[in-house]
Amino acid sequence: MMTLRFVQICTKAFERRPTTRIKLNENGDLEPPNLHNVPDAHSSVPIMQRVRAQKEFPRQRLMTPNQELLCSNSGGSTNPGRLMFDMVTQFGLRPPELLELFPMLWHYFRWFHISSEAMEPSEIVEGLHVDLGQCLWIDGLQRRVHLRRNALGEVKG
């Protein structure tokens, strides 16, 4: 019995990925997304980043500017876990603690399990700790990330 699940990951250019929606106006110029319900710049900082800053995480454990930009492209949604992001973007939004340790796309999706539901803000506040031994891995889409039990040997090797 095979227990492997194969996942296809589209690595085409951003504008050619199936989840990307680009609209052109009648002049052929890129039409900006409808941002009528987007919060102001201060409140659009991802909650994970705000909590990390409030708890005075070291700079290397904060989200990168690129990660913040990817999160801001969610159109101001209050629940990013419900949005559809392609696998490459999800990889770009992995927890800051995993950015340098796991720089390969296929390793991340092979070795880690990502919860399907976004965590509540109170759960994020409770789960993020400066102490690495107590800190949960939470991605930029507010989802919990776990190392797969069977991947431990490969990761250590």
Protein backbone atom coordinates (compact mmCIF):
# COMPACT_ATOMS: atom_id res chain seq x y z
CA MET A 1 0.00 0.00 0.00
CA MET A 2 1.41 3.38 -1.00
CA THR A 3 1.06 6.23 1.50
CA LEU A 4 2.75 8.91 -0.58
CA ARG A 5 0.73 11.81 -1.94
CA PHE A 6 2.21 13.58 -4.93
CA VAL A 7 1.53 17.29 -5.34
CA GLN A 8 2.07 19.28 -8.50
CA ILE A 9 3.60 22.70 -7.87
CA CYS A 10 3.35 25.29 -10.61
CA THR A 11 6.62 27.25 -10.77
CA LYS A 12 5.73 29.34 -13.81
CA ALA A 13 6.23 33.10 -13.67
CA PHE A 14 3.85 34.77 -11.19
CA GLU A 15 1.54 36.16 -13.86
CA ARG A 16 1.17 32.71 -15.46
CA ARG A 17 0.20 30.81 -12.31
CA PRO A 18 -3.44 29.65 -12.16
CA THR A 19 -4.18 31.55 -8.92
CA THR A 20 -2.96 34.91 -10.23
CA ARG A 21 -5.67 37.28 -11.40
CA ILE A 22 -4.44 40.13 -13.58
CA LYS A 23 -6.78 42.54 -15.32
CA LEU A 24 -5.93 44.98 -18.07
CA ASN A 25 -7.90 48.15 -18.79
CA GLU A 26 -9.01 49.22 -22.29
CA ASN A 27 -5.54 50.76 -22.92
CA GLY A 28 -3.80 47.49 -22.10
CA ASP A 29 -2.40 48.84 -18.81
CA LEU A 30 -2.40 46.77 -15.64
CA GLU A 31 -5.55 47.53 -13.66
CA PRO A 32 -4.92 47.82 -9.91
CA PRO A 33 -6.97 45.51 -7.66
CA ASN A 34 -10.14 46.81 -6.07
CA LEU A 35 -8.89 48.12 -2.73
CA HIS A 36 -12.04 49.84 -1.42
CA ASN A 37 -12.09 47.76 1.80
CA VAL A 38 -8.35 47.59 2.44
CA PRO A 39 -7.30 48.77 5.92
CA ASP A 40 -4.88 51.67 6.24
CA ALA A 41 -1.12 51.05 6.07
CA HIS A 42 -0.71 50.73 9.85
CA SER A 43 -3.34 48.05 10.28
CA SER A 44 -2.34 46.13 7.14
CA VAL A 45 0.83 44.84 8.81
CA PRO A 46 0.29 41.07 9.19
CA ILE A 47 -0.69 40.07 12.73
CA MET A 48 2.22 37.63 12.89
CA GLN A 49 4.63 40.52 12.25
CA ARG A 50 2.92 42.80 14.79
CA VAL A 51 3.09 40.13 17.51
CA ARG A 52 6.75 39.39 16.76
CA ALA A 53 7.60 43.10 16.95
CA GLN A 54 5.62 43.58 20.20
CA LYS A 55 7.41 40.63 21.78
CA GLU A 56 10.76 42.07 20.62
CA PHE A 57 11.83 39.18 18.45
CA PRO A 58 15.35 39.53 17.00
CA ARG A 59 15.49 40.99 13.47
CA GLN A 60 16.24 37.62 11.84
CA ARG A 61 12.99 36.19 13.26
CA LEU A 62 10.78 38.94 11.83
CA MET A 63 9.06 38.63 8.47
CA THR A 64 11.11 39.93 5.57
CA PRO A 65 9.90 42.97 3.59
CA ASN A 66 9.08 40.60 0.70
CA GLN A 67 6.93 38.45 2.98
CA GLU A 68 5.07 41.52 4.22
CA LEU A 69 4.49 42.56 0.62
CA LEU A 70 3.13 39.11 -0.28
CA CYS A 71 0.75 39.32 2.69
CA SER A 72 -0.40 42.81 1.74
CA ASN A 73 -1.32 41.49 -1.72
CA SER A 74 -4.15 39.55 -0.10
CA GLY A 75 -6.41 42.50 -0.88
CA GLY A 76 -6.88 43.40 2.77
CA SER A 77 -8.65 40.17 3.71
CA THR A 78 -9.14 39.69 7.43
CA ASN A 79 -8.79 35.94 7.01
CA PRO A 80 -5.81 35.14 4.76
CA GLY A 81 -6.27 31.42 5.47
CA ARG A 82 -9.36 31.46 3.24
CA LEU A 83 -7.59 33.00 0.25
CA MET A 84 -6.15 30.95 -2.57
CA PHE A 85 -2.37 31.29 -2.79
CA ASP A 86 -0.25 29.23 -5.14
CA MET A 87 2.37 26.90 -3.68
CA VAL A 88 5.31 29.15 -4.56
CA THR A 89 3.72 32.07 -2.69
CA GLN A 90 2.95 29.81 0.29
CA PHE A 91 6.60 28.77 0.30
CA GLY A 92 7.59 32.44 0.31
CA LEU A 93 5.38 32.97 3.37
CA ARG A 94 6.90 30.14 5.44
CA PRO A 95 7.73 30.93 9.09
CA PRO A 96 10.79 33.21 9.43
CA GLU A 97 12.52 30.54 11.55
CA LEU A 98 12.49 28.23 8.50
CA LEU A 99 13.59 30.73 5.83
CA GLU A 100 17.31 29.99 5.87
CA LEU A 101 17.13 26.43 7.18
CA PHE A 102 14.85 25.22 4.38
CA PRO A 103 15.52 27.24 1.21
CA MET A 104 14.27 24.55 -1.19
CA LEU A 105 10.63 24.52 -2.29
CA TRP A 106 10.36 20.76 -2.60
CA HIS A 107 11.92 20.16 0.84
CA TYR A 108 9.37 22.44 2.49
CA PHE A 109 6.34 20.68 1.03
CA ARG A 110 7.88 17.24 1.44
CA TRP A 111 8.95 17.62 5.07
CA PHE A 112 6.31 19.92 6.55
CA HIS A 113 2.57 19.74 7.09
CA ILE A 114 0.70 23.05 6.91
CA SER A 115 -2.67 23.33 8.63
CA SER A 116 -5.55 24.18 6.34
CA GLU A 117 -7.18 26.67 8.72
CA ALA A 118 -5.83 30.05 9.81
CA MET A 119 -5.19 30.49 13.52
CA GLU A 120 -7.14 33.05 15.52
CA PRO A 121 -5.20 36.20 16.54
CA SER A 122 -5.34 35.14 20.22
CA GLU A 123 -3.79 31.75 19.32
CA ILE A 124 -0.99 33.52 17.42
CA VAL A 125 -0.23 35.78 20.39
CA GLU A 126 -0.16 32.75 22.68
CA GLY A 127 1.89 30.58 20.27
CA LEU A 128 4.69 32.99 19.38
CA HIS A 129 7.56 33.07 21.91
CA VAL A 130 11.03 34.57 21.76
CA ASP A 131 12.23 31.25 23.24
CA LEU A 132 12.64 28.94 20.21
CA GLY A 133 11.83 25.89 22.33
CA GLN A 134 8.33 27.22 23.05
CA CYS A 135 7.61 29.06 19.79
CA LEU A 136 5.14 27.61 17.27
CA TRP A 137 5.92 27.78 13.57
CA ILE A 138 3.26 30.01 12.02
CA ASP A 139 3.37 31.04 8.37
CA GLY A 140 2.38 34.39 6.87
CA LEU A 141 -1.12 33.05 6.20
CA GLN A 142 -1.59 32.49 9.95
CA ARG A 143 -1.42 28.70 9.64
CA ARG A 144 0.44 26.31 11.92
CA VAL A 145 3.38 24.48 10.32
CA HIS A 146 4.57 21.10 11.67
CA LEU A 147 7.56 18.95 10.77
CA ARG A 148 6.27 15.59 9.54
CA ARG A 149 7.28 12.80 11.91
CA ASN A 150 8.64 10.60 9.12
CA ALA A 151 10.74 13.49 7.76
CA LEU A 152 12.88 13.88 10.87
CA GLY A 153 15.52 11.41 9.65
CA GLU A 154 15.88 13.14 6.28
CA VAL A 155 16.05 16.59 7.88
CA LYS A 156 18.75 15.51 10.33
CA GLY A 157 20.72 13.68 7.61
